[in-house]
């Protein structure tokens, strides 16, 4: 049964998330047909970024060691995490749009914004499920099942992201999109490391003399 796109109840959202995980490209086509205004898309992106940051803060409080000396992560954490989350999402939207166009894709910024916003909703649901599983597994004292859960969650989100990018730009090969994503991440990481190096920073010794 196809989930309703106008059902914004928790059950309706969960049904659409499950449909996305089962058939990401088919669900993406349905979502793209909604044609939401750009201001609504930015509002959705902003909202899910805050929710995701709050979930991340809860996970940090549950699974990480005690507070860092000289700081108060409970107060500062959510604000910093929300800002970083939102900034990362905005960069992702523009990267998906522009890199896809450079590679011959036909997607628009609105399509990238809509599907990346929905991907973040999917990630929030995956985060919640992962949080519950990790909490239950913490009572067993075994670290490997928890690691397996995190790896499986990452693989699932990566698969959906790849399918979404393919649908945004009309690419047929998911493997080509996956390789393009890996190459883009590596190129961005290399460029960032060069920028930090020119600023006098290193990953091993801190600030330069």
N, C-alpha and C. Protein backbone atom coordinates (compact mmCIF):
# COMPACT_ATOMS: atom_id res chain seq x y z
N UNK A 1 0.85 -1.20 0.00
CA UNK A 1 0.00 0.00 0.00
C UNK A 1 0.88 1.25 0.00
N UNK A 2 0.62 2.21 -0.91
CA UNK A 2 1.40 3.43 -1.01
C UNK A 2 0.99 4.39 0.10
N UNK A 3 1.96 4.88 0.89
CA UNK A 3 1.63 5.81 1.97
C UNK A 3 1.16 7.14 1.41
N UNK A 4 0.31 7.83 2.18
CA UNK A 4 -0.22 9.12 1.75
C UNK A 4 0.82 10.20 2.04
N UNK A 5 1.03 11.08 1.07
CA UNK A 5 1.99 12.17 1.24
C UNK A 5 1.42 13.32 2.05
N UNK A 6 0.10 13.35 2.23
CA UNK A 6 -0.51 14.44 2.99
C UNK A 6 -0.84 14.02 4.42
N UNK A 7 -0.36 12.85 4.84
CA UNK A 7 -0.59 12.37 6.20
C UNK A 7 0.62 12.72 7.06
N UNK A 8 0.49 13.80 7.84
CA UNK A 8 1.62 14.28 8.63
C UNK A 8 1.54 13.84 10.09
N UNK A 9 0.75 12.81 10.36
CA UNK A 9 0.73 12.22 11.69
C UNK A 9 2.00 11.39 11.87
N UNK A 10 2.38 11.08 13.13
CA UNK A 10 3.56 10.23 13.34
C UNK A 10 3.48 8.92 12.58
N UNK A 11 2.28 8.30 12.55
CA UNK A 11 2.13 7.05 11.82
C UNK A 11 2.32 7.23 10.32
N UNK A 12 1.79 8.33 9.78
CA UNK A 12 1.94 8.59 8.36
C UNK A 12 3.37 8.86 7.97
N UNK A 13 4.09 9.63 8.80
CA UNK A 13 5.50 9.91 8.53
C UNK A 13 6.32 8.63 8.61
N UNK A 14 6.04 7.80 9.62
CA UNK A 14 6.76 6.54 9.76
C UNK A 14 6.51 5.64 8.56
N UNK A 15 5.26 5.60 8.08
CA UNK A 15 4.94 4.77 6.91
C UNK A 15 5.72 5.24 5.68
N UNK A 16 5.85 6.56 5.52
CA UNK A 16 6.58 7.10 4.38
C UNK A 16 8.08 6.84 4.51
N UNK A 17 8.58 6.89 5.74
CA UNK A 17 10.00 6.57 5.97
C UNK A 17 10.28 5.11 5.62
N UNK A 18 9.41 4.21 6.06
CA UNK A 18 9.59 2.79 5.74
C UNK A 18 9.50 2.55 4.24
N UNK A 19 8.58 3.27 3.57
CA UNK A 19 8.49 3.15 2.12
C UNK A 19 9.77 3.65 1.45
N UNK A 20 10.36 4.69 2.01
CA UNK A 20 11.62 5.23 1.49
C UNK A 20 12.74 4.21 1.61
N UNK A 21 12.80 3.53 2.75
CA UNK A 21 13.85 2.54 2.96
C UNK A 21 13.67 1.33 2.04
N UNK A 22 12.42 0.98 1.74
CA UNK A 22 12.16 -0.15 0.85
C UNK A 22 12.42 0.20 -0.60
N UNK A 23 11.96 1.38 -1.03
CA UNK A 23 12.07 1.79 -2.43
C UNK A 23 12.41 3.27 -2.49
N UNK A 24 13.67 3.64 -2.28
CA UNK A 24 14.02 5.06 -2.20
C UNK A 24 13.75 5.84 -3.48
N UNK A 25 14.02 5.24 -4.64
CA UNK A 25 13.83 5.99 -5.89
C UNK A 25 12.34 6.18 -6.19
N UNK A 26 11.54 5.13 -5.96
CA UNK A 26 10.11 5.26 -6.20
C UNK A 26 9.47 6.27 -5.27
N UNK A 27 9.85 6.23 -3.99
CA UNK A 27 9.32 7.20 -3.03
C UNK A 27 9.79 8.60 -3.35
N UNK A 28 11.05 8.72 -3.80
CA UNK A 28 11.58 10.04 -4.17
C UNK A 28 10.76 10.66 -5.28
N UNK A 29 10.35 9.87 -6.25
CA UNK A 29 9.55 10.39 -7.36
C UNK A 29 8.21 10.92 -6.85
N UNK A 30 7.61 10.21 -5.90
CA UNK A 30 6.35 10.68 -5.33
C UNK A 30 6.53 11.99 -4.57
N UNK A 31 7.61 12.09 -3.80
CA UNK A 31 7.86 13.29 -3.01
C UNK A 31 8.16 14.49 -3.92
N UNK A 32 8.93 14.26 -4.97
CA UNK A 32 9.26 15.35 -5.89
C UNK A 32 8.01 15.90 -6.59
N UNK A 33 7.00 15.07 -6.73
CA UNK A 33 5.77 15.51 -7.38
C UNK A 33 4.97 16.48 -6.52
N UNK A 34 5.35 16.66 -5.25
CA UNK A 34 4.61 17.55 -4.35
C UNK A 34 4.78 19.01 -4.72
N UNK A 35 5.94 19.40 -5.29
CA UNK A 35 6.18 20.78 -5.73
C UNK A 35 5.95 21.79 -4.61
N UNK A 36 6.63 21.59 -3.48
CA UNK A 36 6.49 22.52 -2.36
C UNK A 36 7.26 23.81 -2.62
N UNK A 37 6.77 24.94 -2.07
CA UNK A 37 7.49 26.21 -2.24
C UNK A 37 8.86 26.15 -1.55
N UNK A 38 9.82 26.95 -2.06
CA UNK A 38 11.17 26.89 -1.54
C UNK A 38 11.25 27.33 -0.09
N UNK A 39 10.43 28.32 0.32
CA UNK A 39 10.48 28.77 1.72
C UNK A 39 10.02 27.67 2.67
N UNK A 40 9.07 26.85 2.23
CA UNK A 40 8.62 25.72 3.05
C UNK A 40 9.73 24.67 3.16
N UNK A 41 10.45 24.46 2.07
CA UNK A 41 11.55 23.48 2.07
C UNK A 41 12.66 23.90 3.03
N UNK A 42 13.00 25.20 3.03
CA UNK A 42 14.03 25.68 3.96
C UNK A 42 13.56 25.54 5.40
N UNK A 43 12.27 25.78 5.65
CA UNK A 43 11.74 25.63 7.00
C UNK A 43 11.82 24.18 7.46
N UNK A 44 11.51 23.24 6.57
CA UNK A 44 11.61 21.82 6.89
C UNK A 44 13.05 21.46 7.22
N UNK A 45 13.98 21.94 6.40
CA UNK A 45 15.40 21.65 6.62
C UNK A 45 15.86 22.19 7.96
N UNK A 46 15.47 23.40 8.29
CA UNK A 46 15.84 24.03 9.56
C UNK A 46 15.28 23.24 10.74
N UNK A 47 14.02 22.81 10.62
CA UNK A 47 13.37 22.10 11.72
C UNK A 47 14.01 20.74 11.98
N UNK A 48 14.23 19.98 10.92
CA UNK A 48 14.79 18.63 11.12
C UNK A 48 16.24 18.70 11.58
N UNK A 49 16.95 19.79 11.22
CA UNK A 49 18.32 19.95 11.70
C UNK A 49 18.34 20.12 13.22
N UNK A 50 17.40 20.89 13.75
CA UNK A 50 17.31 21.08 15.19
C UNK A 50 16.94 19.78 15.89
N UNK A 51 15.96 19.06 15.34
CA UNK A 51 15.54 17.79 15.94
C UNK A 51 16.70 16.79 15.94
N UNK A 52 17.42 16.71 14.82
CA UNK A 52 18.55 15.79 14.73
C UNK A 52 19.63 16.15 15.73
N UNK A 53 19.89 17.45 15.91
CA UNK A 53 20.90 17.89 16.87
C UNK A 53 20.50 17.52 18.29
N UNK A 54 19.22 17.66 18.62
CA UNK A 54 18.75 17.30 19.96
C UNK A 54 18.89 15.81 20.22
N UNK A 55 18.59 15.01 19.20
CA UNK A 55 18.76 13.55 19.34
C UNK A 55 20.23 13.21 19.53
N UNK A 56 21.09 13.88 18.79
CA UNK A 56 22.53 13.67 18.96
C UNK A 56 23.00 14.03 20.35
N UNK A 57 22.43 15.10 20.92
CA UNK A 57 22.79 15.50 22.29
C UNK A 57 22.34 14.45 23.30
N UNK A 58 21.14 13.90 23.09
CA UNK A 58 20.66 12.84 23.98
C UNK A 58 21.58 11.63 23.91
N UNK A 59 21.98 11.27 22.69
CA UNK A 59 22.89 10.14 22.51
C UNK A 59 24.22 10.39 23.22
N UNK A 60 24.72 11.63 23.13
CA UNK A 60 25.98 11.96 23.78
C UNK A 60 25.87 11.86 25.30
N UNK A 61 24.75 12.30 25.84
CA UNK A 61 24.55 12.24 27.29
C UNK A 61 24.44 10.80 27.77
N UNK A 62 23.87 9.93 26.92
CA UNK A 62 23.66 8.54 27.33
C UNK A 62 24.91 7.68 27.19
N UNK A 63 25.69 7.92 26.12
CA UNK A 63 26.75 6.97 25.78
C UNK A 63 28.17 7.50 25.92
N UNK A 64 28.34 8.83 26.01
CA UNK A 64 29.70 9.36 26.15
C UNK A 64 30.05 9.53 27.61
N UNK A 65 31.37 9.65 27.92
CA UNK A 65 31.79 9.86 29.31
C UNK A 65 31.27 11.18 29.86
N UNK A 66 31.62 11.46 31.12
CA UNK A 66 31.14 12.64 31.83
C UNK A 66 31.55 13.93 31.17
N UNK A 67 31.11 15.08 31.73
CA UNK A 67 31.37 16.38 31.13
C UNK A 67 32.84 16.70 31.02
N UNK A 68 33.17 17.47 29.98
CA UNK A 68 34.55 17.88 29.75
C UNK A 68 34.93 18.95 30.75
N UNK A 69 36.11 18.88 31.39
CA UNK A 69 36.51 19.90 32.35
C UNK A 69 36.55 21.28 31.71
N UNK A 70 35.98 22.27 32.42
CA UNK A 70 36.01 23.64 31.93
C UNK A 70 34.89 23.96 30.95
N UNK A 71 34.00 23.06 30.70
CA UNK A 71 32.91 23.31 29.76
C UNK A 71 31.60 22.76 30.28
N UNK A 72 30.52 23.12 29.62
CA UNK A 72 29.19 22.64 30.00
C UNK A 72 28.47 22.19 28.74
N UNK A 73 28.75 20.96 28.28
CA UNK A 73 28.19 20.50 27.00
C UNK A 73 26.69 20.40 26.99
N UNK A 74 26.06 20.26 28.18
CA UNK A 74 24.61 20.14 28.22
C UNK A 74 23.95 21.43 27.75
N UNK A 75 24.58 22.60 28.10
CA UNK A 75 24.00 23.89 27.70
C UNK A 75 24.44 24.30 26.30
N UNK A 76 25.75 24.18 26.04
CA UNK A 76 26.29 24.64 24.78
C UNK A 76 26.10 23.63 23.65
N UNK A 77 26.05 22.35 24.01
CA UNK A 77 26.00 21.31 23.00
C UNK A 77 24.89 21.44 21.99
N UNK A 78 23.63 21.56 22.41
CA UNK A 78 22.53 21.62 21.44
C UNK A 78 22.64 22.79 20.47
N UNK A 79 23.06 23.96 20.97
CA UNK A 79 23.17 25.12 20.09
C UNK A 79 24.27 24.93 19.05
N UNK A 80 25.43 24.45 19.52
CA UNK A 80 26.53 24.23 18.60
C UNK A 80 26.20 23.12 17.61
N UNK A 81 25.60 22.04 18.11
CA UNK A 81 25.26 20.92 17.23
C UNK A 81 24.22 21.31 16.19
N UNK A 82 23.22 22.12 16.62
CA UNK A 82 22.19 22.55 15.67
C UNK A 82 22.79 23.42 14.58
N UNK A 83 23.71 24.32 14.97
CA UNK A 83 24.36 25.18 13.98
C UNK A 83 25.19 24.38 13.00
N UNK A 84 25.98 23.44 13.54
CA UNK A 84 26.80 22.60 12.67
C UNK A 84 25.94 21.72 11.77
N UNK A 85 24.86 21.18 12.35
CA UNK A 85 23.97 20.32 11.57
C UNK A 85 23.33 21.09 10.42
N UNK A 86 22.84 22.29 10.73
CA UNK A 86 22.19 23.09 9.70
C UNK A 86 23.20 23.50 8.63
N UNK A 87 24.40 23.92 9.06
CA UNK A 87 25.43 24.30 8.09
C UNK A 87 25.82 23.14 7.20
N UNK A 88 25.97 21.96 7.79
CA UNK A 88 26.31 20.78 7.00
C UNK A 88 25.22 20.42 6.01
N UNK A 89 23.96 20.58 6.42
CA UNK A 89 22.84 20.26 5.52
C UNK A 89 22.77 21.23 4.35
N UNK A 90 22.98 22.52 4.64
CA UNK A 90 22.95 23.52 3.57
C UNK A 90 24.08 23.25 2.57
N UNK A 91 25.27 22.95 3.08
CA UNK A 91 26.39 22.61 2.20
C UNK A 91 26.07 21.37 1.36
N UNK A 92 25.42 20.39 1.99
CA UNK A 92 25.07 19.17 1.27
C UNK A 92 24.09 19.45 0.15
N UNK A 93 23.09 20.29 0.42
CA UNK A 93 22.10 20.64 -0.61
C UNK A 93 22.78 21.27 -1.82
N UNK A 94 23.65 22.25 -1.57
CA UNK A 94 24.30 22.94 -2.68
C UNK A 94 25.32 22.03 -3.38
N UNK A 95 25.98 21.18 -2.60
CA UNK A 95 26.94 20.25 -3.21
C UNK A 95 26.22 19.25 -4.12
N UNK A 96 25.12 18.69 -3.63
CA UNK A 96 24.34 17.75 -4.45
C UNK A 96 23.87 18.41 -5.73
N UNK A 97 23.42 19.66 -5.61
CA UNK A 97 22.91 20.37 -6.79
C UNK A 97 24.03 20.68 -7.79
N UNK A 98 25.09 21.33 -7.33
CA UNK A 98 26.11 21.81 -8.25
C UNK A 98 27.00 20.69 -8.79
N UNK A 99 27.41 19.76 -7.92
CA UNK A 99 28.24 18.65 -8.40
C UNK A 99 27.45 17.77 -9.38
N UNK A 100 26.18 17.54 -9.05
CA UNK A 100 25.35 16.76 -9.97
C UNK A 100 25.20 17.43 -11.32
N UNK A 101 25.04 18.76 -11.33
CA UNK A 101 24.93 19.49 -12.61
C UNK A 101 26.24 19.43 -13.39
N UNK A 102 27.37 19.53 -12.67
CA UNK A 102 28.67 19.44 -13.33
C UNK A 102 28.84 18.08 -14.00
N UNK A 103 28.31 17.03 -13.36
CA UNK A 103 28.44 15.68 -13.90
C UNK A 103 27.38 15.36 -14.95
N UNK A 104 26.61 16.36 -15.37
CA UNK A 104 25.64 16.15 -16.43
C UNK A 104 24.22 15.93 -15.96
N UNK A 105 23.96 16.12 -14.67
CA UNK A 105 22.61 15.93 -14.15
C UNK A 105 21.68 17.07 -14.53
N UNK A 106 20.38 16.81 -14.42
CA UNK A 106 19.36 17.78 -14.82
C UNK A 106 18.55 18.28 -13.63
N UNK A 107 19.02 18.06 -12.42
CA UNK A 107 18.26 18.44 -11.23
C UNK A 107 18.26 19.94 -10.99
N UNK A 108 17.28 20.39 -10.22
CA UNK A 108 17.19 21.80 -9.81
C UNK A 108 17.51 21.91 -8.33
N UNK A 109 17.76 23.13 -7.88
CA UNK A 109 18.03 23.36 -6.46
C UNK A 109 16.83 22.95 -5.60
N UNK A 110 15.63 23.21 -6.10
CA UNK A 110 14.42 22.85 -5.36
C UNK A 110 14.33 21.33 -5.16
N UNK A 111 14.67 20.57 -6.18
CA UNK A 111 14.64 19.11 -6.07
C UNK A 111 15.67 18.63 -5.04
N UNK A 112 16.86 19.21 -5.08
CA UNK A 112 17.89 18.83 -4.11
C UNK A 112 17.46 19.19 -2.70
N UNK A 113 16.89 20.38 -2.54
CA UNK A 113 16.45 20.84 -1.22
C UNK A 113 15.34 19.95 -0.67
N UNK A 114 14.39 19.58 -1.53
CA UNK A 114 13.26 18.76 -1.08
C UNK A 114 13.73 17.38 -0.64
N UNK A 115 14.52 16.70 -1.47
CA UNK A 115 14.91 15.33 -1.13
C UNK A 115 15.94 15.29 -0.01
N UNK A 116 16.84 16.28 0.07
CA UNK A 116 17.79 16.30 1.19
C UNK A 116 17.07 16.60 2.50
N UNK A 117 16.01 17.40 2.44
CA UNK A 117 15.20 17.65 3.64
C UNK A 117 14.51 16.36 4.09
N UNK A 118 13.95 15.64 3.11
CA UNK A 118 13.28 14.38 3.47
C UNK A 118 14.30 13.35 3.94
N UNK A 119 15.49 13.34 3.34
CA UNK A 119 16.53 12.42 3.80
C UNK A 119 16.87 12.68 5.26
N UNK A 120 16.88 13.93 5.66
CA UNK A 120 17.17 14.25 7.07
C UNK A 120 16.06 13.73 7.98
N UNK A 121 14.81 13.78 7.51
CA UNK A 121 13.71 13.20 8.29
C UNK A 121 13.93 11.70 8.45
N UNK A 122 14.31 11.04 7.36
CA UNK A 122 14.60 9.60 7.41
C UNK A 122 15.74 9.34 8.40
N UNK A 123 16.77 10.18 8.37
CA UNK A 123 17.91 10.00 9.26
C UNK A 123 17.51 10.18 10.72
N UNK A 124 16.58 11.10 10.98
CA UNK A 124 16.10 11.30 12.36
C UNK A 124 15.43 10.02 12.87
N UNK A 125 14.59 9.40 12.02
CA UNK A 125 13.92 8.16 12.42
C UNK A 125 14.96 7.05 12.62
N UNK A 126 15.94 6.96 11.73
CA UNK A 126 17.01 5.97 11.88
C UNK A 126 17.80 6.23 13.15
N UNK A 127 18.07 7.51 13.45
CA UNK A 127 18.77 7.87 14.68
C UNK A 127 18.01 7.40 15.91
N UNK A 128 16.70 7.61 15.91
CA UNK A 128 15.89 7.20 17.06
C UNK A 128 15.92 5.69 17.24
N UNK A 129 15.76 4.96 16.12
CA UNK A 129 15.82 3.50 16.19
C UNK A 129 17.20 3.04 16.67
N UNK A 130 18.24 3.67 16.16
CA UNK A 130 19.60 3.32 16.56
C UNK A 130 19.83 3.60 18.04
N UNK A 131 19.28 4.73 18.51
CA UNK A 131 19.43 5.11 19.91
C UNK A 131 18.78 4.07 20.83
N UNK A 132 17.59 3.62 20.46
CA UNK A 132 16.89 2.61 21.26
C UNK A 132 17.67 1.30 21.27
N UNK A 133 18.14 0.88 20.09
CA UNK A 133 18.89 -0.37 20.01
C UNK A 133 20.19 -0.30 20.80
N UNK A 134 20.92 0.81 20.70
CA UNK A 134 22.17 0.95 21.43
C UNK A 134 21.92 0.97 22.94
N UNK A 135 20.82 1.59 23.34
CA UNK A 135 20.49 1.61 24.76
C UNK A 135 20.20 0.21 25.28
N UNK A 136 19.45 -0.58 24.51
CA UNK A 136 19.16 -1.96 24.92
C UNK A 136 20.42 -2.81 24.91
N UNK A 137 21.27 -2.61 23.89
CA UNK A 137 22.50 -3.40 23.80
C UNK A 137 23.51 -3.03 24.87
N UNK A 138 23.39 -1.82 25.42
CA UNK A 138 24.34 -1.41 26.46
C UNK A 138 24.24 -2.28 27.70
N UNK A 139 23.10 -2.91 27.90
CA UNK A 139 22.94 -3.78 29.07
C UNK A 139 23.65 -5.12 28.90
N UNK A 140 23.98 -5.46 27.65
CA UNK A 140 24.67 -6.73 27.42
C UNK A 140 26.17 -6.63 27.66
N UNK A 141 26.71 -5.40 27.59
CA UNK A 141 28.14 -5.21 27.82
C UNK A 141 29.00 -5.58 26.63
N UNK A 142 28.40 -5.97 25.50
CA UNK A 142 29.16 -6.35 24.30
C UNK A 142 29.20 -5.16 23.35
N UNK A 143 30.40 -4.84 22.85
CA UNK A 143 30.55 -3.68 21.98
C UNK A 143 30.29 -3.97 20.52
N UNK A 144 30.51 -5.23 20.08
CA UNK A 144 30.39 -5.54 18.65
C UNK A 144 28.98 -5.36 18.12
N UNK A 145 27.92 -5.82 18.80
CA UNK A 145 26.57 -5.60 18.27
C UNK A 145 26.24 -4.12 18.09
N UNK A 146 26.70 -3.28 19.02
CA UNK A 146 26.46 -1.85 18.88
C UNK A 146 27.17 -1.28 17.67
N UNK A 147 28.40 -1.73 17.43
CA UNK A 147 29.15 -1.29 16.25
C UNK A 147 28.45 -1.74 14.98
N UNK A 148 27.90 -2.95 15.00
CA UNK A 148 27.19 -3.47 13.84
C UNK A 148 25.95 -2.64 13.54
N UNK A 149 25.25 -2.21 14.58
CA UNK A 149 24.06 -1.36 14.41
C UNK A 149 24.45 -0.04 13.74
N UNK A 150 25.55 0.57 14.19
CA UNK A 150 25.98 1.85 13.63
C UNK A 150 26.41 1.70 12.18
N UNK A 151 27.13 0.62 11.87
CA UNK A 151 27.56 0.39 10.49
C UNK A 151 26.35 0.15 9.58
N UNK A 152 25.39 -0.62 10.07
CA UNK A 152 24.19 -0.90 9.28
C UNK A 152 23.39 0.38 9.04
N UNK A 153 23.29 1.23 10.05
CA UNK A 153 22.57 2.51 9.90
C UNK A 153 23.26 3.39 8.88
N UNK A 154 24.59 3.46 8.93
CA UNK A 154 25.34 4.27 7.98
C UNK A 154 25.15 3.76 6.55
N UNK A 155 25.22 2.44 6.39
CA UNK A 155 25.05 1.84 5.06
C UNK A 155 23.65 2.12 4.52
N UNK A 156 22.64 2.04 5.38
CA UNK A 156 21.26 2.26 4.96
C UNK A 156 21.06 3.69 4.49
N UNK A 157 21.56 4.65 5.28
CA UNK A 157 21.41 6.06 4.91
C UNK A 157 22.19 6.37 3.64
N UNK A 158 23.38 5.78 3.49
CA UNK A 158 24.18 6.00 2.29
C UNK A 158 23.46 5.48 1.04
N UNK A 159 22.80 4.33 1.17
CA UNK A 159 22.05 3.77 0.05
C UNK A 159 20.90 4.69 -0.35
N UNK A 160 20.17 5.20 0.64
CA UNK A 160 19.06 6.11 0.34
C UNK A 160 19.58 7.41 -0.28
N UNK A 161 20.68 7.95 0.27
CA UNK A 161 21.27 9.17 -0.27
C UNK A 161 21.66 8.99 -1.74
N UNK A 162 22.30 7.86 -2.04
CA UNK A 162 22.71 7.58 -3.42
C UNK A 162 21.52 7.52 -4.35
N UNK A 163 20.46 6.85 -3.91
CA UNK A 163 19.25 6.75 -4.73
C UNK A 163 18.59 8.11 -4.93
N UNK A 164 18.60 8.93 -3.89
CA UNK A 164 18.00 10.27 -3.98
C UNK A 164 18.76 11.14 -4.98
N UNK A 165 20.10 11.12 -4.90
CA UNK A 165 20.90 11.92 -5.83
C UNK A 165 20.64 11.47 -7.27
N UNK A 166 20.56 10.16 -7.47
CA UNK A 166 20.27 9.65 -8.81
C UNK A 166 18.92 10.14 -9.31
N UNK A 167 17.93 10.17 -8.43
CA UNK A 167 16.59 10.60 -8.83
C UNK A 167 16.53 12.10 -9.04
N UNK A 168 17.26 12.87 -8.25
CA UNK A 168 17.28 14.32 -8.41
C UNK A 168 17.78 14.71 -9.79
N UNK A 169 18.84 14.05 -10.24
CA UNK A 169 19.50 14.46 -11.47
C UNK A 169 19.21 13.56 -12.67
N UNK A 170 18.43 12.51 -12.45
CA UNK A 170 18.09 11.64 -13.57
C UNK A 170 19.19 10.68 -13.97
N UNK A 171 20.09 10.37 -13.05
CA UNK A 171 21.14 9.39 -13.34
C UNK A 171 20.54 7.98 -13.27
N UNK A 172 20.99 7.10 -14.15
CA UNK A 172 20.46 5.74 -14.16
C UNK A 172 21.28 4.80 -13.28
N UNK A 173 22.59 4.99 -13.24
CA UNK A 173 23.48 4.07 -12.52
C UNK A 173 23.70 4.52 -11.08
N UNK A 174 23.24 3.70 -10.12
CA UNK A 174 23.48 4.01 -8.71
C UNK A 174 24.96 3.87 -8.37
N UNK A 175 25.65 2.92 -9.01
CA UNK A 175 27.08 2.75 -8.73
C UNK A 175 27.87 3.97 -9.15
N UNK A 176 27.50 4.57 -10.28
CA UNK A 176 28.18 5.77 -10.73
C UNK A 176 27.97 6.92 -9.75
N UNK A 177 26.76 7.05 -9.25
CA UNK A 177 26.46 8.09 -8.26
C UNK A 177 27.23 7.83 -6.97
N UNK A 178 27.31 6.57 -6.55
CA UNK A 178 28.04 6.24 -5.33
C UNK A 178 29.52 6.60 -5.47
N UNK A 179 30.12 6.23 -6.59
CA UNK A 179 31.53 6.56 -6.82
C UNK A 179 31.74 8.06 -6.90
N UNK A 180 30.80 8.76 -7.52
CA UNK A 180 30.88 10.22 -7.60
C UNK A 180 30.81 10.84 -6.20
N UNK A 181 29.97 10.26 -5.34
CA UNK A 181 29.85 10.76 -3.97
C UNK A 181 31.15 10.55 -3.20
N UNK A 182 31.72 9.36 -3.32
CA UNK A 182 32.99 9.08 -2.63
C UNK A 182 34.08 10.02 -3.11
N UNK A 183 34.17 10.23 -4.43
CA UNK A 183 35.19 11.12 -4.99
C UNK A 183 34.99 12.55 -4.50
N UNK A 184 33.73 12.99 -4.40
CA UNK A 184 33.45 14.35 -3.95
C UNK A 184 33.83 14.53 -2.49
N UNK A 185 33.54 13.52 -1.66
CA UNK A 185 33.90 13.59 -0.23
C UNK A 185 35.42 13.64 -0.06
N UNK A 186 36.12 12.81 -0.81
CA UNK A 186 37.58 12.80 -0.73
C UNK A 186 38.17 14.13 -1.19
N UNK A 187 37.63 14.67 -2.28
CA UNK A 187 38.12 15.95 -2.78
C UNK A 187 37.87 17.07 -1.78
N UNK A 188 36.68 17.06 -1.17
CA UNK A 188 36.35 18.08 -0.17
C UNK A 188 37.26 17.96 1.05
N UNK A 189 37.49 16.72 1.50
CA UNK A 189 38.36 16.50 2.65
C UNK A 189 39.78 16.97 2.37
N UNK A 190 40.27 16.69 1.16
CA UNK A 190 41.62 17.12 0.78
C UNK A 190 41.71 18.64 0.73
N UNK A 191 40.69 19.28 0.15
CA UNK A 191 40.69 20.74 0.07
C UNK A 191 40.63 21.36 1.46
N UNK A 192 39.82 20.76 2.35
CA UNK A 192 39.71 21.28 3.71
C UNK A 192 41.03 21.13 4.45
N UNK A 193 41.72 20.00 4.26
CA UNK A 193 43.01 19.81 4.93
C UNK A 193 44.04 20.82 4.44
N UNK A 194 43.99 21.17 3.14
CA UNK A 194 44.90 22.18 2.61
C UNK A 194 44.61 23.55 3.22
N UNK A 195 43.34 23.88 3.33
CA UNK A 195 42.96 25.17 3.92
C UNK A 195 43.44 25.27 5.36
N UNK A 196 43.23 24.19 6.13
CA UNK A 196 43.66 24.19 7.53
C UNK A 196 45.18 24.27 7.62
N UNK A 197 45.87 23.61 6.69
CA UNK A 197 47.34 23.66 6.70
C UNK A 197 47.83 25.08 6.43
N UNK A 198 47.19 25.76 5.48
CA UNK A 198 47.59 27.14 5.17
C UNK A 198 47.28 28.08 6.34
N UNK A 199 46.29 27.71 7.16
CA UNK A 199 45.97 28.52 8.33
C UNK A 199 46.91 28.23 9.50
N UNK A 200 47.84 27.27 9.30
CA UNK A 200 48.81 26.97 10.35
C UNK A 200 48.34 25.91 11.32
N UNK A 201 47.37 25.09 10.88
CA UNK A 201 46.84 24.03 11.74
C UNK A 201 47.29 22.68 11.21
N UNK A 202 47.47 21.74 12.10
CA UNK A 202 47.75 20.36 11.72
C UNK A 202 46.85 19.45 12.52
N UNK A 203 46.66 18.26 12.00
CA UNK A 203 45.79 17.31 12.70
C UNK A 203 46.52 16.61 13.83
N UNK A 204 47.86 16.74 13.89
CA UNK A 204 48.61 16.02 14.92
C UNK A 204 49.19 16.92 15.99
N UNK A 205 49.51 18.15 15.63
CA UNK A 205 50.21 18.99 16.60
C UNK A 205 49.48 20.22 17.01
N UNK A 206 48.21 20.43 16.52
CA UNK A 206 47.50 21.63 16.91
C UNK A 206 47.96 22.82 16.09
N UNK A 207 47.92 24.02 16.68
CA UNK A 207 48.26 25.23 15.97
C UNK A 207 49.74 25.28 15.66
N UNK A 208 50.08 25.84 14.52
CA UNK A 208 51.48 25.95 14.13
C UNK A 208 52.19 27.03 14.90
N UNK A 209 53.54 26.98 14.92
CA UNK A 209 54.30 27.97 15.68
C UNK A 209 54.21 29.32 15.00
